[in-house]
PDB file of N, CA and C in Angstrom:
ATOM      1  N   MET A   1       1.164  -1.116  -0.112  1.00  0.00           N
ATOM      2  CA  MET A   1      -0.070  -0.130  -0.090  1.00  0.00           C
ATOM      3  C   MET A   1       0.877   1.147   0.192  1.00  0.00           C
ATOM      4  N   ALA A   2       0.468   2.142  -0.839  1.00  0.00           N
ATOM      5  CA  ALA A   2       1.251   3.388  -1.232  1.00  0.00           C
ATOM      6  C   ALA A   2       1.205   4.245   0.450  1.00  0.00           C
ATOM      7  N   GLY A   3       1.770   5.176   0.688  1.00  0.00           N
ATOM      8  CA  GLY A   3       1.146   6.248   1.199  1.00  0.00           C
ATOM      9  C   GLY A   3       0.285   6.964   0.850  1.00  0.00           C
ATOM     10  N   LYS A   4      -0.273   8.147   2.064  1.00  0.00           N
ATOM     11  CA  LYS A   4      -1.568   8.777   1.514  1.00  0.00           C
ATOM     12  C   LYS A   4      -1.572   9.870   2.124  1.00  0.00           C
ATOM     13  N   PHE A   5      -2.135  11.081   1.257  1.00  0.00           N
ATOM     14  CA  PHE A   5      -2.614  12.210   2.300  1.00  0.00           C
ATOM     15  C   PHE A   5      -3.841  12.041   2.972  1.00  0.00           C
ATOM     16  N   GLU A   6      -3.902  12.427   4.081  1.00  0.00           N
ATOM     17  CA  GLU A   6      -5.420  12.966   5.438  1.00  0.00           C
ATOM     18  C   GLU A   6      -5.651  14.360   5.165  1.00  0.00           C
ATOM     19  N   VAL A   7      -6.772  14.690   5.281  1.00  0.00           N
ATOM     20  CA  VAL A   7      -7.430  16.079   5.285  1.00  0.00           C
ATOM     21  C   VAL A   7      -7.939  16.122   6.318  1.00  0.00           C
ATOM     22  N   LYS A   8      -7.824  16.550   7.155  1.00  0.00           N
ATOM     23  CA  LYS A   8      -8.600  17.090   8.878  1.00  0.00           C
ATOM     24  C   LYS A   8      -9.068  18.690   8.784  1.00  0.00           C
ATOM     25  N   ALA A   9     -10.238  18.750   9.582  1.00  0.00           N
ATOM     26  CA  ALA A   9     -10.780  20.079  10.082  1.00  0.00           C
ATOM     27  C   ALA A   9      -9.952  20.287  10.951  1.00  0.00           C
ATOM     28  N   THR A  10     -10.000  21.194  11.759  1.00  0.00           N
ATOM     29  CA  THR A  10      -9.226  21.638  12.994  1.00  0.00           C
ATOM     30  C   THR A  10     -10.353  22.049  13.807  1.00  0.00           C
ATOM     31  N   LYS A  11      -9.893  22.024  14.943  1.00  0.00           N
ATOM     32  CA  LYS A  11     -10.963  22.846  16.196  1.00  0.00           C
ATOM     33  C   LYS A  11     -11.403  24.132  15.957  1.00  0.00           C
ATOM     34  N   SER A  12     -10.220  25.056  15.095  1.00  0.00           N
ATOM     35  CA  SER A  12     -10.868  26.397  14.748  1.00  0.00           C
ATOM     36  C   SER A  12     -11.609  26.529  13.554  1.00  0.00           C
ATOM     37  N   GLY A  13     -12.048  25.350  12.973  1.00  0.00           N
ATOM     38  CA  GLY A  13     -12.437  25.318  11.777  1.00  0.00           C
ATOM     39  C   GLY A  13     -11.767  25.769  10.316  1.00  0.00           C
ATOM     40  N   GLN A  14     -10.222  24.955  10.916  1.00  0.00           N
ATOM     41  CA  GLN A  14      -9.234  25.339   9.658  1.00  0.00           C
ATOM     42  C   GLN A  14      -8.941  24.066   9.047  1.00  0.00           C
ATOM     43  N   PHE A  15      -8.459  24.091   7.779  1.00  0.00           N
ATOM     44  CA  PHE A  15      -7.871  22.582   7.782  1.00  0.00           C
ATOM     45  C   PHE A  15      -6.499  22.172   7.212  1.00  0.00           C
ATOM     46  N   MET A  16      -6.105  21.037   7.145  1.00  0.00           N
ATOM     47  CA  MET A  16      -4.839  20.575   7.497  1.00  0.00           C
ATOM     48  C   MET A  16      -4.711  19.143   6.590  1.00  0.00           C
ATOM     49  N   PHE A  17      -3.630  19.036   6.472  1.00  0.00           N
ATOM     50  CA  PHE A  17      -3.335  17.730   5.870  1.00  0.00           C
ATOM     51  C   PHE A  17      -1.711  16.897   6.746  1.00  0.00           C
ATOM     52  N   ASN A  18      -2.050  15.237   6.813  1.00  0.00           N
ATOM     53  CA  ASN A  18      -0.827  14.514   7.145  1.00  0.00           C
ATOM     54  C   ASN A  18      -0.780  13.575   6.265  1.00  0.00           C
ATOM     55  N   LEU A  19       0.654  13.697   6.119  1.00  0.00           N
ATOM     56  CA  LEU A  19       1.347  12.621   4.870  1.00  0.00           C
ATOM     57  C   LEU A  19       1.482  11.668   5.643  1.00  0.00           C
ATOM     58  N   LYS A  20       1.111  10.274   5.436  1.00  0.00           N
ATOM     59  CA  LYS A  20       0.956   8.736   6.207  1.00  0.00           C
ATOM     60  C   LYS A  20       2.175   7.894   5.404  1.00  0.00           C
ATOM     61  N   ALA A  21       3.064   7.449   5.888  1.00  0.00           N
ATOM     62  CA  ALA A  21       3.478   6.540   5.432  1.00  0.00           C
ATOM     63  C   ALA A  21       2.534   4.872   4.921  1.00  0.00           C
ATOM     64  N   SER A  22       3.361   4.284   4.443  1.00  0.00           N
ATOM     65  CA  SER A  22       2.115   2.770   4.100  1.00  0.00           C
ATOM     66  C   SER A  22       2.130   2.181   5.526  1.00  0.00           C
ATOM     67  N   ASN A  23       2.628   2.463   6.943  1.00  0.00           N
ATOM     68  CA  ASN A  23       2.908   1.643   7.748  1.00  0.00           C
ATOM     69  C   ASN A  23       1.897   2.462   8.834  1.00  0.00           C
ATOM     70  N   GLY A  24       1.351   3.438   7.945  1.00  0.00           N
ATOM     71  CA  GLY A  24       0.399   4.549   9.089  1.00  0.00           C
ATOM     72  C   GLY A  24       1.084   5.540   9.785  1.00  0.00           C
ATOM     73  N   GLN A  25       2.406   5.534   9.630  1.00  0.00           N
ATOM     74  CA  GLN A  25       2.983   6.580  10.678  1.00  0.00           C
ATOM     75  C   GLN A  25       2.863   7.781   9.919  1.00  0.00           C
ATOM     76  N   ILE A  26       2.395   8.836  10.678  1.00  0.00           N
ATOM     77  CA  ILE A  26       2.741  10.388   9.702  1.00  0.00           C
ATOM     78  C   ILE A  26       3.993  10.701   9.559  1.00  0.00           C
ATOM     79  N   ILE A  27       4.247  11.485   9.033  1.00  0.00           N
ATOM     80  CA  ILE A  27       5.787  11.809   8.425  1.00  0.00           C
ATOM     81  C   ILE A  27       6.047  13.300   7.763  1.00  0.00           C
ATOM     82  N   ALA A  28       4.448  13.295   7.686  1.00  0.00           N
ATOM     83  CA  ALA A  28       4.798  15.549   7.398  1.00  0.00           C
ATOM     84  C   ALA A  28       3.304  15.917   7.905  1.00  0.00           C
ATOM     85  N   THR A  29       3.359  16.841   8.447  1.00  0.00           N
ATOM     86  CA  THR A  29       2.070  17.706   9.109  1.00  0.00           C
ATOM     87  C   THR A  29       1.958  18.873   8.074  1.00  0.00           C
ATOM     88  N   SER A  30       0.921  19.515   7.519  1.00  0.00           N
ATOM     89  CA  SER A  30       0.817  20.886   7.088  1.00  0.00           C
ATOM     90  C   SER A  30       0.620  21.933   7.990  1.00  0.00           C
ATOM     91  N   GLU A  31       0.682  23.136   7.661  1.00  0.00           N
ATOM     92  CA  GLU A  31       0.322  24.166   8.344  1.00  0.00           C
ATOM     93  C   GLU A  31      -0.996  24.336   8.016  1.00  0.00           C
ATOM     94  N   HIS A  32      -1.784  25.241   9.203  1.00  0.00           N
ATOM     95  CA  HIS A  32      -3.317  25.069   8.923  1.00  0.00           C
ATOM     96  C   HIS A  32      -3.671  25.858   7.447  1.00  0.00           C
ATOM     97  N   TYR A  33      -4.847  25.696   6.996  1.00  0.00           N
ATOM     98  CA  TYR A  33      -5.105  26.449   5.812  1.00  0.00           C
ATOM     99  C   TYR A  33      -6.698  26.890   6.073  1.00  0.00           C
ATOM    100  N   LYS A  34      -6.954  28.204   5.798  1.00  0.00           N
ATOM    101  CA  LYS A  34      -8.313  28.876   5.990  1.00  0.00           C
ATOM    102  C   LYS A  34      -9.188  28.028   5.451  1.00  0.00           C
ATOM    103  N   THR A  35      -9.129  27.588   4.265  1.00  0.00           N
ATOM    104  CA  THR A  35     -10.117  26.861   2.886  1.00  0.00           C
ATOM    105  C   THR A  35      -9.650  25.709   2.851  1.00  0.00           C
ATOM    106  N   LYS A  36     -10.549  24.335   2.554  1.00  0.00           N
ATOM    107  CA  LYS A  36     -10.412  23.400   2.087  1.00  0.00           C
ATOM    108  C   LYS A  36      -9.593  23.341   0.817  1.00  0.00           C
ATOM    109  N   ALA A  37      -9.974  23.937  -0.102  1.00  0.00           N
ATOM    110  CA  ALA A  37      -9.248  24.143  -1.510  1.00  0.00           C
ATOM    111  C   ALA A  37      -7.809  24.746  -1.101  1.00  0.00           C
ATOM    112  N   ALA A  38      -7.656  25.503  -0.304  1.00  0.00           N
ATOM    113  CA  ALA A  38      -5.879  25.837   0.141  1.00  0.00           C
ATOM    114  C   ALA A  38      -5.260  24.750   0.305  1.00  0.00           C
ATOM    115  N   CYS A  39      -6.194  23.507   1.273  1.00  0.00           N
ATOM    116  CA  CYS A  39      -5.228  22.783   1.583  1.00  0.00           C
ATOM    117  C   CYS A  39      -5.092  21.395   0.998  1.00  0.00           C
ATOM    118  N   LEU A  40      -6.150  21.596  -0.115  1.00  0.00           N
ATOM    119  CA  LEU A  40      -5.963  20.841  -1.773  1.00  0.00           C
ATOM    120  C   LEU A  40      -5.028  21.065  -2.627  1.00  0.00           C
ATOM    121  N   ASN A  41      -4.518  22.405  -2.756  1.00  0.00           N
ATOM    122  CA  ASN A  41      -3.517  23.146  -3.595  1.00  0.00           C
ATOM    123  C   ASN A  41      -2.344  22.300  -2.785  1.00  0.00           C
ATOM    124  N   GLY A  42      -2.079  22.659  -1.086  1.00  0.00           N
ATOM    125  CA  GLY A  42      -1.346  22.498  -0.395  1.00  0.00           C
ATOM    126  C   GLY A  42      -0.140  20.797  -1.010  1.00  0.00           C
ATOM    127  N   ILE A  43      -1.392  20.085  -0.710  1.00  0.00           N
ATOM    128  CA  ILE A  43      -1.126  18.828  -1.116  1.00  0.00           C
ATOM    129  C   ILE A  43      -0.481  19.049  -2.592  1.00  0.00           C
ATOM    130  N   GLU A  44      -1.454  19.103  -3.677  1.00  0.00           N
ATOM    131  CA  GLU A  44      -0.627  19.192  -4.652  1.00  0.00           C
ATOM    132  C   GLU A  44       0.681  19.821  -5.169  1.00  0.00           C
ATOM    133  N   SER A  45       1.098  20.774  -4.286  1.00  0.00           N
ATOM    134  CA  SER A  45       2.283  21.600  -4.166  1.00  0.00           C
ATOM    135  C   SER A  45       3.212  20.312  -3.804  1.00  0.00           C
ATOM    136  N   VAL A  46       3.007  19.769  -3.138  1.00  0.00           N
ATOM    137  CA  VAL A  46       3.717  18.755  -2.390  1.00  0.00           C
ATOM    138  C   VAL A  46       4.039  17.629  -3.493  1.00  0.00           C
ATOM    139  N   LYS A  47       2.872  17.258  -4.021  1.00  0.00           N
ATOM    140  CA  LYS A  47       3.215  16.021  -4.946  1.00  0.00           C
ATOM    141  C   LYS A  47       4.088  16.951  -6.014  1.00  0.00           C
ATOM    142  N   LYS A  48       3.661  18.012  -6.526  1.00  0.00           N
ATOM    143  CA  LYS A  48       4.468  18.439  -7.647  1.00  0.00           C
ATOM    144  C   LYS A  48       6.091  19.160  -7.142  1.00  0.00           C
ATOM    145  N   ASN A  49       6.283  19.479  -6.192  1.00  0.00           N
ATOM    146  CA  ASN A  49       7.661  19.620  -5.870  1.00  0.00           C
ATOM    147  C   ASN A  49       8.590  18.611  -4.831  1.00  0.00           C
ATOM    148  N   ALA A  50       7.861  17.781  -4.513  1.00  0.00           N
ATOM    149  CA  ALA A  50       9.018  16.931  -3.306  1.00  0.00           C
ATOM    150  C   ALA A  50       9.826  15.883  -4.534  1.00  0.00           C
ATOM    151  N   PRO A  51       9.087  15.468  -5.661  1.00  0.00           N
ATOM    152  CA  PRO A  51      10.175  14.276  -6.634  1.00  0.00           C
ATOM    153  C   PRO A  51      11.468  14.687  -6.444  1.00  0.00           C
ATOM    154  N   ASP A  52      11.636  15.950  -6.625  1.00  0.00           N
ATOM    155  CA  ASP A  52      13.178  16.775  -6.906  1.00  0.00           C
ATOM    156  C   ASP A  52      13.653  17.652  -6.176  1.00  0.00           C
ATOM    157  N   ALA A  53      13.049  17.248  -4.715  1.00  0.00           N
ATOM    158  CA  ALA A  53      13.320  18.143  -3.581  1.00  0.00           C
ATOM    159  C   ALA A  53      14.678  17.738  -3.093  1.00  0.00           C
ATOM    160  N   LYS A  54      16.194  18.431  -2.550  1.00  0.00           N
ATOM    161  CA  LYS A  54      16.963  18.263  -2.282  1.00  0.00           C
ATOM    162  C   LYS A  54      17.229  18.316  -0.495  1.00  0.00           C
ATOM    163  N   THR A  55      18.001  17.311  -0.246  1.00  0.00           N
ATOM    164  CA  THR A  55      18.025  17.950   1.223  1.00  0.00           C
ATOM    165  C   THR A  55      19.032  18.756   1.685  1.00  0.00           C
ATOM    166  N   ASP A  56      18.487  19.656   2.653  1.00  0.00           N
ATOM    167  CA  ASP A  56      19.374  21.285   2.851  1.00  0.00           C
ATOM    168  C   ASP A  56      19.716  20.723   4.171  1.00  0.00           C
ATOM    169  N   ASP A  57      20.630  19.962   4.707  1.00  0.00           N
ATOM    170  CA  ASP A  57      21.079  19.868   5.882  1.00  0.00           C
ATOM    171  C   ASP A  57      21.773  21.261   6.382  1.00  0.00           C
ATOM    172  N   GLN A  58      20.959  21.888   7.275  1.00  0.00           N
ATOM    173  CA  GLN A  58      21.744  23.169   7.975  1.00  0.00           C
ATOM    174  C   GLN A  58      22.021  23.201   9.423  1.00  0.00           C
ATOM    175  N   THR A  59      22.339  21.916   9.869  1.00  0.00           N
ATOM    176  CA  THR A  59      22.862  21.141  11.389  1.00  0.00           C
ATOM    177  C   THR A  59      24.239  21.629  10.753  1.00  0.00           C
ATOM    178  N   VAL A  60      25.142  21.685  10.196  1.00  0.00           N
ATOM    179  CA  VAL A  60      26.397  21.311  10.051  1.00  0.00           C
ATOM    180  C   VAL A  60      27.019  22.997   9.753  1.00  0.00           C
TER     181      VAL A  60
END
């Protein structure tokens, strides 16, 4: 099973998503968005930009 994005409503009426690995563990959590459409756009942005993302280790 592949990972999945889970969209959730917050207590304050905003929206956010978690990216879950195939084992069910949360591997990324989004910011809070004012609308569901903006949240879904955030997911599409991650899908579009993550495949070629480089790691920038700023701890060294």
